[in-house]
Amino acid sequence: MNLPHHVSTTRPQMSMMDRAAQFSPFAALTSYDAAIKETGRLTDEKIEMDEEALNILNMKFQILARCLDDEPEVTFTYFKPDERKAGGAYIEVTGTVKKVDDFERFSAQ
């Protein structure tokens, strides 16, 4: 027990980083963690508006079109479909409206 610690003269000493890597956990399934996270990620379902809600939205759009000279600041909420799974997310954007595309029914900020 009272012997000195052996240090090799023929081989270089291993760095602390390499030594720690020997004891790190082994991930046999590299994409498994990503798949679990993707499955657990929540998405919202798209809400279909009824006729009354569409009429109210249409009236608000007309009011907005009449007030374009004032460059009103408005907040829009729209649905963006998810690229990987069913559903998506509702995104809220606030900005100043400068013009409205009547054909596409799109407001440019």
PDB file of N, CA and C in Angstrom:
ATOM      1  N   MET A   1       0.799  -1.186   0.000  1.00  0.00           N
ATOM      2  CA  MET A   1       0.000   0.000   0.000  1.00  0.00           C
ATOM      3  C   MET A   1       0.849   1.262   0.000  1.00  0.00           C
ATOM      4  N   ASN A   2       2.026   1.174   0.506  1.00  0.00           N
ATOM      5  CA  ASN A   2       2.865   2.361   0.588  1.00  0.00           C
ATOM      6  C   ASN A   2       3.766   2.516  -0.629  1.00  0.00           C
ATOM      7  N   LEU A   3       3.353   1.945  -1.762  1.00  0.00           N
ATOM      8  CA  LEU A   3       4.139   2.045  -2.987  1.00  0.00           C
ATOM      9  C   LEU A   3       3.754   3.311  -3.747  1.00  0.00           C
ATOM     10  N   PRO A   4       4.649   3.900  -4.532  1.00  0.00           N
ATOM     11  CA  PRO A   4       4.320   5.097  -5.328  1.00  0.00           C
ATOM     12  C   PRO A   4       3.406   4.741  -6.495  1.00  0.00           C
ATOM     13  N   HIS A   5       2.646   5.730  -6.967  1.00  0.00           N
ATOM     14  CA  HIS A   5       1.735   5.553  -8.107  1.00  0.00           C
ATOM     15  C   HIS A   5       2.564   5.333  -9.374  1.00  0.00           C
ATOM     16  N   HIS A   6       2.194   4.301 -10.153  1.00  0.00           N
ATOM     17  CA  HIS A   6       2.961   3.970 -11.354  1.00  0.00           C
ATOM     18  C   HIS A   6       2.590   4.911 -12.507  1.00  0.00           C
ATOM     19  N   VAL A   7       3.590   5.473 -13.167  1.00  0.00           N
ATOM     20  CA  VAL A   7       3.412   6.305 -14.350  1.00  0.00           C
ATOM     21  C   VAL A   7       4.249   5.690 -15.453  1.00  0.00           C
ATOM     22  N   SER A   8       3.585   5.388 -16.604  1.00  0.00           N
ATOM     23  CA  SER A   8       4.283   4.738 -17.719  1.00  0.00           C
ATOM     24  C   SER A   8       5.287   5.692 -18.356  1.00  0.00           C
ATOM     25  N   THR A   9       6.414   5.142 -18.723  1.00  0.00           N
ATOM     26  CA  THR A   9       7.435   5.927 -19.409  1.00  0.00           C
ATOM     27  C   THR A   9       7.324   5.767 -20.923  1.00  0.00           C
ATOM     28  N   THR A  10       6.559   4.770 -21.393  1.00  0.00           N
ATOM     29  CA  THR A  10       6.458   4.510 -22.830  1.00  0.00           C
ATOM     30  C   THR A  10       5.166   5.030 -23.445  1.00  0.00           C
ATOM     31  N   ARG A  11       4.151   5.267 -22.632  1.00  0.00           N
ATOM     32  CA  ARG A  11       2.860   5.718 -23.162  1.00  0.00           C
ATOM     33  C   ARG A  11       2.509   7.075 -22.575  1.00  0.00           C
ATOM     34  N   PRO A  12       1.896   7.958 -23.418  1.00  0.00           N
ATOM     35  CA  PRO A  12       1.513   9.280 -22.889  1.00  0.00           C
ATOM     36  C   PRO A  12       0.342   9.149 -21.912  1.00  0.00           C
ATOM     37  N   GLN A  13       0.268  10.063 -20.984  1.00  0.00           N
ATOM     38  CA  GLN A  13      -0.797  10.046 -19.987  1.00  0.00           C
ATOM     39  C   GLN A  13      -2.104  10.510 -20.637  1.00  0.00           C
ATOM     40  N   MET A  14      -3.212   9.836 -20.338  1.00  0.00           N
ATOM     41  CA  MET A  14      -4.515  10.142 -20.918  1.00  0.00           C
ATOM     42  C   MET A  14      -5.040  11.457 -20.323  1.00  0.00           C
ATOM     43  N   SER A  15      -5.644  12.299 -21.185  1.00  0.00           N
ATOM     44  CA  SER A  15      -6.196  13.570 -20.696  1.00  0.00           C
ATOM     45  C   SER A  15      -7.431  13.295 -19.842  1.00  0.00           C
ATOM     46  N   MET A  16      -7.785  14.264 -19.004  1.00  0.00           N
ATOM     47  CA  MET A  16      -8.957  14.104 -18.136  1.00  0.00           C
ATOM     48  C   MET A  16     -10.241  13.975 -18.961  1.00  0.00           C
ATOM     49  N   MET A  17     -10.316  14.675 -20.114  1.00  0.00           N
ATOM     50  CA  MET A  17     -11.498  14.621 -20.977  1.00  0.00           C
ATOM     51  C   MET A  17     -11.672  13.206 -21.554  1.00  0.00           C
ATOM     52  N   ASP A  18     -10.576  12.619 -22.056  1.00  0.00           N
ATOM     53  CA  ASP A  18     -10.651  11.265 -22.608  1.00  0.00           C
ATOM     54  C   ASP A  18     -10.973  10.243 -21.529  1.00  0.00           C
ATOM     55  N   ARG A  19     -10.432  10.447 -20.359  1.00  0.00           N
ATOM     56  CA  ARG A  19     -10.686   9.525 -19.259  1.00  0.00           C
ATOM     57  C   ARG A  19     -12.159   9.592 -18.841  1.00  0.00           C
ATOM     58  N   ALA A  20     -12.720  10.794 -18.812  1.00  0.00           N
ATOM     59  CA  ALA A  20     -14.126  10.958 -18.445  1.00  0.00           C
ATOM     60  C   ALA A  20     -15.037  10.335 -19.499  1.00  0.00           C
ATOM     61  N   ALA A  21     -14.626  10.383 -20.773  1.00  0.00           N
ATOM     62  CA  ALA A  21     -15.439   9.833 -21.856  1.00  0.00           C
ATOM     63  C   ALA A  21     -15.608   8.329 -21.717  1.00  0.00           C
ATOM     64  N   GLN A  22     -14.667   7.662 -21.106  1.00  0.00           N
ATOM     65  CA  GLN A  22     -14.764   6.214 -20.908  1.00  0.00           C
ATOM     66  C   GLN A  22     -15.957   5.859 -20.024  1.00  0.00           C
ATOM     67  N   PHE A  23     -16.316   6.748 -19.127  1.00  0.00           N
ATOM     68  CA  PHE A  23     -17.358   6.449 -18.164  1.00  0.00           C
ATOM     69  C   PHE A  23     -18.691   7.117 -18.496  1.00  0.00           C
ATOM     70  N   SER A  24     -18.791   7.770 -19.651  1.00  0.00           N
ATOM     71  CA  SER A  24     -20.048   8.417 -20.034  1.00  0.00           C
ATOM     72  C   SER A  24     -21.053   7.355 -20.471  1.00  0.00           C
ATOM     73  N   PRO A  25     -22.352   7.660 -20.375  1.00  0.00           N
ATOM     74  CA  PRO A  25     -23.361   6.666 -20.747  1.00  0.00           C
ATOM     75  C   PRO A  25     -23.317   6.381 -22.245  1.00  0.00           C
ATOM     76  N   PHE A  26     -23.636   5.162 -22.600  1.00  0.00           N
ATOM     77  CA  PHE A  26     -23.625   4.737 -23.994  1.00  0.00           C
ATOM     78  C   PHE A  26     -25.035   4.867 -24.562  1.00  0.00           C
ATOM     79  N   ALA A  27     -25.184   5.581 -25.681  1.00  0.00           N
ATOM     80  CA  ALA A  27     -26.491   5.749 -26.332  1.00  0.00           C
ATOM     81  C   ALA A  27     -26.544   4.851 -27.558  1.00  0.00           C
ATOM     82  N   ALA A  28     -27.115   3.667 -27.403  1.00  0.00           N
ATOM     83  CA  ALA A  28     -27.193   2.717 -28.507  1.00  0.00           C
ATOM     84  C   ALA A  28     -28.153   3.204 -29.593  1.00  0.00           C
ATOM     85  N   LEU A  29     -29.234   3.883 -29.193  1.00  0.00           N
ATOM     86  CA  LEU A  29     -30.215   4.395 -30.144  1.00  0.00           C
ATOM     87  C   LEU A  29     -30.078   5.905 -30.193  1.00  0.00           C
ATOM     88  N   THR A  30     -29.303   6.402 -31.149  1.00  0.00           N
ATOM     89  CA  THR A  30     -28.975   7.829 -31.186  1.00  0.00           C
ATOM     90  C   THR A  30     -30.184   8.715 -31.457  1.00  0.00           C
ATOM     91  N   SER A  31     -31.142   8.283 -32.249  1.00  0.00           N
ATOM     92  CA  SER A  31     -32.293   9.130 -32.578  1.00  0.00           C
ATOM     93  C   SER A  31     -33.476   8.891 -31.646  1.00  0.00           C
ATOM     94  N   TYR A  32     -33.344   7.999 -30.692  1.00  0.00           N
ATOM     95  CA  TYR A  32     -34.457   7.664 -29.799  1.00  0.00           C
ATOM     96  C   TYR A  32     -34.879   8.862 -28.955  1.00  0.00           C
ATOM     97  N   ASP A  33     -33.911   9.602 -28.380  1.00  0.00           N
ATOM     98  CA  ASP A  33     -34.245  10.771 -27.564  1.00  0.00           C
ATOM     99  C   ASP A  33     -34.977  11.827 -28.381  1.00  0.00           C
ATOM    100  N   ALA A  34     -34.537  12.049 -29.622  1.00  0.00           N
ATOM    101  CA  ALA A  34     -35.190  13.032 -30.486  1.00  0.00           C
ATOM    102  C   ALA A  34     -36.622  12.601 -30.812  1.00  0.00           C
ATOM    103  N   ALA A  35     -36.823  11.302 -31.036  1.00  0.00           N
ATOM    104  CA  ALA A  35     -38.163  10.795 -31.335  1.00  0.00           C
ATOM    105  C   ALA A  35     -39.091  10.957 -30.136  1.00  0.00           C
ATOM    106  N   ILE A  36     -38.581  10.724 -28.948  1.00  0.00           N
ATOM    107  CA  ILE A  36     -39.388  10.886 -27.731  1.00  0.00           C
ATOM    108  C   ILE A  36     -39.777  12.344 -27.549  1.00  0.00           C
ATOM    109  N   LYS A  37     -38.831  13.265 -27.758  1.00  0.00           N
ATOM    110  CA  LYS A  37     -39.127  14.694 -27.611  1.00  0.00           C
ATOM    111  C   LYS A  37     -40.155  15.146 -28.645  1.00  0.00           C
ATOM    112  N   GLU A  38     -40.036  14.649 -29.890  1.00  0.00           N
ATOM    113  CA  GLU A  38     -40.968  15.030 -30.952  1.00  0.00           C
ATOM    114  C   GLU A  38     -42.373  14.522 -30.634  1.00  0.00           C
ATOM    115  N   THR A  39     -42.471  13.322 -30.095  1.00  0.00           N
ATOM    116  CA  THR A  39     -43.776  12.766 -29.742  1.00  0.00           C
ATOM    117  C   THR A  39     -44.415  13.561 -28.615  1.00  0.00           C
ATOM    118  N   GLY A  40     -43.615  14.019 -27.682  1.00  0.00           N
ATOM    119  CA  GLY A  40     -44.121  14.761 -26.545  1.00  0.00           C
ATOM    120  C   GLY A  40     -44.436  16.213 -26.842  1.00  0.00           C
ATOM    121  N   ARG A  41     -43.979  16.729 -27.996  1.00  0.00           N
ATOM    122  CA  ARG A  41     -44.217  18.128 -28.350  1.00  0.00           C
ATOM    123  C   ARG A  41     -45.696  18.312 -28.682  1.00  0.00           C
ATOM    124  N   LEU A  42     -46.310  19.314 -28.079  1.00  0.00           N
ATOM    125  CA  LEU A  42     -47.740  19.549 -28.261  1.00  0.00           C
ATOM    126  C   LEU A  42     -47.998  20.514 -29.413  1.00  0.00           C
ATOM    127  N   THR A  43     -49.073  20.260 -30.134  1.00  0.00           N
ATOM    128  CA  THR A  43     -49.518  21.163 -31.197  1.00  0.00           C
ATOM    129  C   THR A  43     -50.980  21.515 -30.942  1.00  0.00           C
ATOM    130  N   ASP A  44     -51.404  22.640 -31.495  1.00  0.00           N
ATOM    131  CA  ASP A  44     -52.805  23.057 -31.382  1.00  0.00           C
ATOM    132  C   ASP A  44     -53.581  22.557 -32.590  1.00  0.00           C
ATOM    133  N   GLU A  45     -54.870  22.349 -32.382  1.00  0.00           N
ATOM    134  CA  GLU A  45     -55.729  21.958 -33.479  1.00  0.00           C
ATOM    135  C   GLU A  45     -56.306  23.222 -34.117  1.00  0.00           C
ATOM    136  N   LYS A  46     -56.433  23.242 -35.432  1.00  0.00           N
ATOM    137  CA  LYS A  46     -56.965  24.414 -36.115  1.00  0.00           C
ATOM    138  C   LYS A  46     -58.457  24.543 -35.831  1.00  0.00           C
ATOM    139  N   ILE A  47     -58.865  25.751 -35.454  1.00  0.00           N
ATOM    140  CA  ILE A  47     -60.267  26.017 -35.147  1.00  0.00           C
ATOM    141  C   ILE A  47     -60.964  26.496 -36.423  1.00  0.00           C
ATOM    142  N   GLU A  48     -62.026  25.832 -36.783  1.00  0.00           N
ATOM    143  CA  GLU A  48     -62.818  26.245 -37.941  1.00  0.00           C
ATOM    144  C   GLU A  48     -63.863  27.240 -37.456  1.00  0.00           C
ATOM    145  N   MET A  49     -63.900  28.408 -38.083  1.00  0.00           N
ATOM    146  CA  MET A  49     -64.830  29.466 -37.667  1.00  0.00           C
ATOM    147  C   MET A  49     -66.211  29.212 -38.248  1.00  0.00           C
ATOM    148  N   ASP A  50     -67.252  29.512 -37.445  1.00  0.00           N
ATOM    149  CA  ASP A  50     -68.613  29.377 -37.941  1.00  0.00           C
ATOM    150  C   ASP A  50     -68.987  30.626 -38.750  1.00  0.00           C
ATOM    151  N   GLU A  51     -70.178  30.611 -39.320  1.00  0.00           N
ATOM    152  CA  GLU A  51     -70.619  31.689 -40.219  1.00  0.00           C
ATOM    153  C   GLU A  51     -70.681  33.044 -39.497  1.00  0.00           C
ATOM    154  N   GLU A  52     -71.136  33.044 -38.255  1.00  0.00           N
ATOM    155  CA  GLU A  52     -71.247  34.295 -37.505  1.00  0.00           C
ATOM    156  C   GLU A  52     -69.861  34.901 -37.234  1.00  0.00           C
ATOM    157  N   ALA A  53     -68.917  34.074 -36.845  1.00  0.00           N
ATOM    158  CA  ALA A  53     -67.560  34.556 -36.580  1.00  0.00           C
ATOM    159  C   ALA A  53     -66.915  35.082 -37.859  1.00  0.00           C
ATOM    160  N   LEU A  54     -67.177  34.422 -38.985  1.00  0.00           N
ATOM    161  CA  LEU A  54     -66.640  34.894 -40.266  1.00  0.00           C
ATOM    162  C   LEU A  54     -67.236  36.248 -40.651  1.00  0.00           C
ATOM    163  N   ASN A  55     -68.536  36.452 -40.385  1.00  0.00           N
ATOM    164  CA  ASN A  55     -69.164  37.740 -40.678  1.00  0.00           C
ATOM    165  C   ASN A  55     -68.563  38.856 -39.818  1.00  0.00           C
ATOM    166  N   ILE A  56     -68.324  38.577 -38.537  1.00  0.00           N
ATOM    167  CA  ILE A  56     -67.707  39.573 -37.649  1.00  0.00           C
ATOM    168  C   ILE A  56     -66.298  39.907 -38.131  1.00  0.00           C
ATOM    169  N   LEU A  57     -65.549  38.895 -38.520  1.00  0.00           N
ATOM    170  CA  LEU A  57     -64.191  39.105 -39.035  1.00  0.00           C
ATOM    171  C   LEU A  57     -64.222  39.922 -40.318  1.00  0.00           C
ATOM    172  N   ASN A  58     -65.202  39.669 -41.172  1.00  0.00           N
ATOM    173  CA  ASN A  58     -65.352  40.413 -42.422  1.00  0.00           C
ATOM    174  C   ASN A  58     -65.640  41.886 -42.149  1.00  0.00           C
ATOM    175  N   MET A  59     -66.493  42.160 -41.143  1.00  0.00           N
ATOM    176  CA  MET A  59     -66.802  43.550 -40.798  1.00  0.00           C
ATOM    177  C   MET A  59     -65.558  44.258 -40.259  1.00  0.00           C
ATOM    178  N   LYS A  60     -64.790  43.591 -39.440  1.00  0.00           N
ATOM    179  CA  LYS A  60     -63.553  44.181 -38.917  1.00  0.00           C
ATOM    180  C   LYS A  60     -62.566  44.455 -40.043  1.00  0.00           C
ATOM    181  N   PHE A  61     -62.532  43.577 -41.025  1.00  0.00           N
ATOM    182  CA  PHE A  61     -61.640  43.756 -42.170  1.00  0.00           C
ATOM    183  C   PHE A  61     -62.054  44.987 -42.987  1.00  0.00           C
ATOM    184  N   GLN A  62     -63.354  45.182 -43.139  1.00  0.00           N
ATOM    185  CA  GLN A  62     -63.851  46.351 -43.873  1.00  0.00           C
ATOM    186  C   GLN A  62     -63.513  47.643 -43.127  1.00  0.00           C
ATOM    187  N   ILE A  63     -63.663  47.639 -41.816  1.00  0.00           N
ATOM    188  CA  ILE A  63     -63.308  48.816 -41.013  1.00  0.00           C
ATOM    189  C   ILE A  63     -61.822  49.108 -41.170  1.00  0.00           C
ATOM    190  N   LEU A  64     -61.015  48.070 -41.132  1.00  0.00           N
ATOM    191  CA  LEU A  64     -59.567  48.228 -41.303  1.00  0.00           C
ATOM    192  C   LEU A  64     -59.242  48.818 -42.674  1.00  0.00           C
ATOM    193  N   ALA A  65     -59.924  48.355 -43.724  1.00  0.00           N
ATOM    194  CA  ALA A  65     -59.671  48.851 -45.081  1.00  0.00           C
ATOM    195  C   ALA A  65     -60.028  50.335 -45.194  1.00  0.00           C
ATOM    196  N   ARG A  66     -61.065  50.777 -44.470  1.00  0.00           N
ATOM    197  CA  ARG A  66     -61.460  52.194 -44.512  1.00  0.00           C
ATOM    198  C   ARG A  66     -60.484  53.087 -43.744  1.00  0.00           C
ATOM    199  N   CYS A  67     -59.762  52.553 -42.786  1.00  0.00           N
ATOM    200  CA  CYS A  67     -58.868  53.341 -41.927  1.00  0.00           C
ATOM    201  C   CYS A  67     -57.402  53.255 -42.342  1.00  0.00           C
ATOM    202  N   LEU A  68     -57.126  52.839 -43.552  1.00  0.00           N
ATOM    203  CA  LEU A  68     -55.730  52.641 -43.977  1.00  0.00           C
ATOM    204  C   LEU A  68     -54.914  53.926 -43.976  1.00  0.00           C
ATOM    205  N   ASP A  69     -55.546  55.062 -44.225  1.00  0.00           N
ATOM    206  CA  ASP A  69     -54.805  56.329 -44.242  1.00  0.00           C
ATOM    207  C   ASP A  69     -54.201  56.647 -42.881  1.00  0.00           C
ATOM    208  N   ASP A  70     -54.834  56.179 -41.819  1.00  0.00           N
ATOM    209  CA  ASP A  70     -54.338  56.419 -40.456  1.00  0.00           C
ATOM    210  C   ASP A  70     -53.223  55.455 -40.066  1.00  0.00           C
ATOM    211  N   GLU A  71     -52.945  54.477 -40.919  1.00  0.00           N
ATOM    212  CA  GLU A  71     -51.964  53.413 -40.652  1.00  0.00           C
ATOM    213  C   GLU A  71     -52.155  52.836 -39.241  1.00  0.00           C
ATOM    214  N   PRO A  72     -53.297  52.172 -39.031  1.00  0.00           N
ATOM    215  CA  PRO A  72     -53.606  51.659 -37.694  1.00  0.00           C
ATOM    216  C   PRO A  72     -52.678  50.507 -37.284  1.00  0.00           C
ATOM    217  N   GLU A  73     -52.437  50.417 -35.979  1.00  0.00           N
ATOM    218  CA  GLU A  73     -51.664  49.290 -35.448  1.00  0.00           C
ATOM    219  C   GLU A  73     -52.664  48.229 -35.004  1.00  0.00           C
ATOM    220  N   VAL A  74     -52.513  47.038 -35.530  1.00  0.00           N
ATOM    221  CA  VAL A  74     -53.444  45.949 -35.233  1.00  0.00           C
ATOM    222  C   VAL A  74     -52.666  44.703 -34.824  1.00  0.00           C
ATOM    223  N   THR A  75     -53.390  43.768 -34.215  1.00  0.00           N
ATOM    224  CA  THR A  75     -52.818  42.478 -33.853  1.00  0.00           C
ATOM    225  C   THR A  75     -53.589  41.397 -34.595  1.00  0.00           C
ATOM    226  N   PHE A  76     -52.880  40.593 -35.363  1.00  0.00           N
ATOM    227  CA  PHE A  76     -53.468  39.478 -36.095  1.00  0.00           C
ATOM    228  C   PHE A  76     -53.049  38.178 -35.423  1.00  0.00           C
ATOM    229  N   THR A  77     -53.965  37.232 -35.374  1.00  0.00           N
ATOM    230  CA  THR A  77     -53.660  35.883 -34.905  1.00  0.00           C
ATOM    231  C   THR A  77     -53.950  34.946 -36.059  1.00  0.00           C
ATOM    232  N   TYR A  78     -52.952  34.158 -36.432  1.00  0.00           N
ATOM    233  CA  TYR A  78     -53.148  33.226 -37.535  1.00  0.00           C
ATOM    234  C   TYR A  78     -52.602  31.857 -37.178  1.00  0.00           C
ATOM    235  N   PHE A  79     -53.059  30.852 -37.909  1.00  0.00           N
ATOM    236  CA  PHE A  79     -52.673  29.472 -37.663  1.00  0.00           C
ATOM    237  C   PHE A  79     -51.570  29.068 -38.622  1.00  0.00           C
ATOM    238  N   LYS A  80     -50.472  28.552 -38.087  1.00  0.00           N
ATOM    239  CA  LYS A  80     -49.374  28.053 -38.915  1.00  0.00           C
ATOM    240  C   LYS A  80     -49.302  26.537 -38.733  1.00  0.00           C
ATOM    241  N   PRO A  81     -49.566  25.762 -39.799  1.00  0.00           N
ATOM    242  CA  PRO A  81     -49.514  24.304 -39.681  1.00  0.00           C
ATOM    243  C   PRO A  81     -48.110  23.812 -39.333  1.00  0.00           C
ATOM    244  N   ASP A  82     -48.044  22.743 -38.560  1.00  0.00           N
ATOM    245  CA  ASP A  82     -46.772  22.140 -38.178  1.00  0.00           C
ATOM    246  C   ASP A  82     -46.234  21.336 -39.356  1.00  0.00           C
ATOM    247  N   GLU A  83     -44.936  21.364 -39.555  1.00  0.00           N
ATOM    248  CA  GLU A  83     -44.326  20.670 -40.690  1.00  0.00           C
ATOM    249  C   GLU A  83     -44.156  19.177 -40.447  1.00  0.00           C
ATOM    250  N   ARG A  84     -44.127  18.747 -39.183  1.00  0.00           N
ATOM    251  CA  ARG A  84     -43.801  17.357 -38.877  1.00  0.00           C
ATOM    252  C   ARG A  84     -44.980  16.521 -38.393  1.00  0.00           C
ATOM    253  N   LYS A  85     -45.981  17.144 -37.806  1.00  0.00           N
ATOM    254  CA  LYS A  85     -47.086  16.356 -37.270  1.00  0.00           C
ATOM    255  C   LYS A  85     -48.398  17.105 -37.426  1.00  0.00           C
ATOM    256  N   ALA A  86     -49.498  16.438 -37.120  1.00  0.00           N
ATOM    257  CA  ALA A  86     -50.825  17.041 -37.267  1.00  0.00           C
ATOM    258  C   ALA A  86     -50.978  18.208 -36.305  1.00  0.00           C
ATOM    259  N   GLY A  87     -51.701  19.218 -36.750  1.00  0.00           N
ATOM    260  CA  GLY A  87     -51.915  20.395 -35.917  1.00  0.00           C
ATOM    261  C   GLY A  87     -50.982  21.515 -36.311  1.00  0.00           C
ATOM    262  N   GLY A  88     -50.724  22.408 -35.365  1.00  0.00           N
ATOM    263  CA  GLY A  88     -49.854  23.547 -35.630  1.00  0.00           C
ATOM    264  C   GLY A  88     -49.831  24.468 -34.440  1.00  0.00           C
ATOM    265  N   ALA A  89     -49.630  25.752 -34.711  1.00  0.00           N
ATOM    266  CA  ALA A  89     -49.548  26.740 -33.634  1.00  0.00           C
ATOM    267  C   ALA A  89     -50.223  28.021 -34.072  1.00  0.00           C
ATOM    268  N   TYR A  90     -50.829  28.699 -33.112  1.00  0.00           N
ATOM    269  CA  TYR A  90     -51.403  30.014 -33.369  1.00  0.00           C
ATOM    270  C   TYR A  90     -50.349  31.063 -33.063  1.00  0.00           C
ATOM    271  N   ILE A  91     -50.123  31.941 -34.025  1.00  0.00           N
ATOM    272  CA  ILE A  91     -49.085  32.966 -33.911  1.00  0.00           C
ATOM    273  C   ILE A  91     -49.752  34.330 -33.924  1.00  0.00           C
ATOM    274  N   GLU A  92     -49.302  35.197 -33.033  1.00  0.00           N
ATOM    275  CA  GLU A  92     -49.860  36.543 -32.916  1.00  0.00           C
ATOM    276  C   GLU A  92     -48.818  37.548 -33.401  1.00  0.00           C
ATOM    277  N   VAL A  93     -49.234  38.440 -34.310  1.00  0.00           N
ATOM    278  CA  VAL A  93     -48.351  39.441 -34.884  1.00  0.00           C
ATOM    279  C   VAL A  93     -48.990  40.813 -34.706  1.00  0.00           C
ATOM    280  N   THR A  94     -48.223  41.766 -34.209  1.00  0.00           N
ATOM    281  CA  THR A  94     -48.701  43.141 -34.050  1.00  0.00           C
ATOM    282  C   THR A  94     -47.883  44.048 -34.948  1.00  0.00           C
ATOM    283  N   GLY A  95     -48.562  44.948 -35.653  1.00  0.00           N
ATOM    284  CA  GLY A  95     -47.844  45.866 -36.532  1.00  0.00           C
ATOM    285  C   GLY A  95     -48.780  46.914 -37.110  1.00  0.00           C
ATOM    286  N   THR A  96     -48.203  47.787 -37.918  1.00  0.00           N
ATOM    287  CA  THR A  96     -48.944  48.857 -38.571  1.00  0.00           C
ATOM    288  C   THR A  96     -49.340  48.401 -39.967  1.00  0.00           C
ATOM    289  N   VAL A  97     -50.608  48.561 -40.306  1.00  0.00           N
ATOM    290  CA  VAL A  97     -51.104  48.159 -41.621  1.00  0.00           C
ATOM    291  C   VAL A  97     -50.933  49.326 -42.574  1.00  0.00           C
ATOM    292  N   LYS A  98     -50.291  49.051 -43.705  1.00  0.00           N
ATOM    293  CA  LYS A  98     -50.060  50.100 -44.699  1.00  0.00           C
ATOM    294  C   LYS A  98     -50.881  49.898 -45.960  1.00  0.00           C
ATOM    295  N   LYS A  99     -51.151  48.630 -46.302  1.00  0.00           N
ATOM    296  CA  LYS A  99     -52.003  48.368 -47.462  1.00  0.00           C
ATOM    297  C   LYS A  99     -52.648  46.994 -47.305  1.00  0.00           C
ATOM    298  N   VAL A 100     -53.727  46.782 -48.076  1.00  0.00           N
ATOM    299  CA  VAL A 100     -54.477  45.531 -48.027  1.00  0.00           C
ATOM    300  C   VAL A 100     -54.616  45.009 -49.454  1.00  0.00           C
ATOM    301  N   ASP A 101     -54.319  43.740 -49.651  1.00  0.00           N
ATOM    302  CA  ASP A 101     -54.506  43.091 -50.949  1.00  0.00           C
ATOM    303  C   ASP A 101     -55.926  42.522 -50.961  1.00  0.00           C
ATOM    304  N   ASP A 102     -56.830  43.164 -51.706  1.00  0.00           N
ATOM    305  CA  ASP A 102     -58.231  42.736 -51.720  1.00  0.00           C
ATOM    306  C   ASP A 102     -58.415  41.366 -52.342  1.00  0.00           C
ATOM    307  N   PHE A 103     -57.575  40.998 -53.289  1.00  0.00           N
ATOM    308  CA  PHE A 103     -57.724  39.706 -53.952  1.00  0.00           C
ATOM    309  C   PHE A 103     -57.340  38.574 -53.019  1.00  0.00           C
ATOM    310  N   GLU A 104     -56.169  38.663 -52.393  1.00  0.00           N
ATOM    311  CA  GLU A 104     -55.700  37.612 -51.491  1.00  0.00           C
ATOM    312  C   GLU A 104     -56.207  37.809 -50.064  1.00  0.00           C
ATOM    313  N   ARG A 105     -56.794  38.976 -49.779  1.00  0.00           N
ATOM    314  CA  ARG A 105     -57.262  39.322 -48.438  1.00  0.00           C
ATOM    315  C   ARG A 105     -56.087  39.269 -47.442  1.00  0.00           C
ATOM    316  N   PHE A 106     -55.016  39.931 -47.819  1.00  0.00           N
ATOM    317  CA  PHE A 106     -53.767  39.914 -47.053  1.00  0.00           C
ATOM    318  C   PHE A 106     -53.375  41.335 -46.702  1.00  0.00           C
ATOM    319  N   SER A 107     -52.959  41.568 -45.461  1.00  0.00           N
ATOM    320  CA  SER A 107     -52.517  42.896 -45.023  1.00  0.00           C
ATOM    321  C   SER A 107     -51.004  42.942 -44.956  1.00  0.00           C
ATOM    322  N   ALA A 108     -50.410  43.933 -45.580  1.00  0.00           N
ATOM    323  CA  ALA A 108     -48.955  44.090 -45.553  1.00  0.00           C
ATOM    324  C   ALA A 108     -48.588  45.029 -44.421  1.00  0.00           C
ATOM    325  N   GLN A 109     -47.515  44.708 -43.735  1.00  0.00           N
ATOM    326  CA  GLN A 109     -47.048  45.559 -42.622  1.00  0.00           C
ATOM    327  C   GLN A 109     -45.870  46.361 -43.057  1.00  0.00           C
TER     328      GLN A 109
END
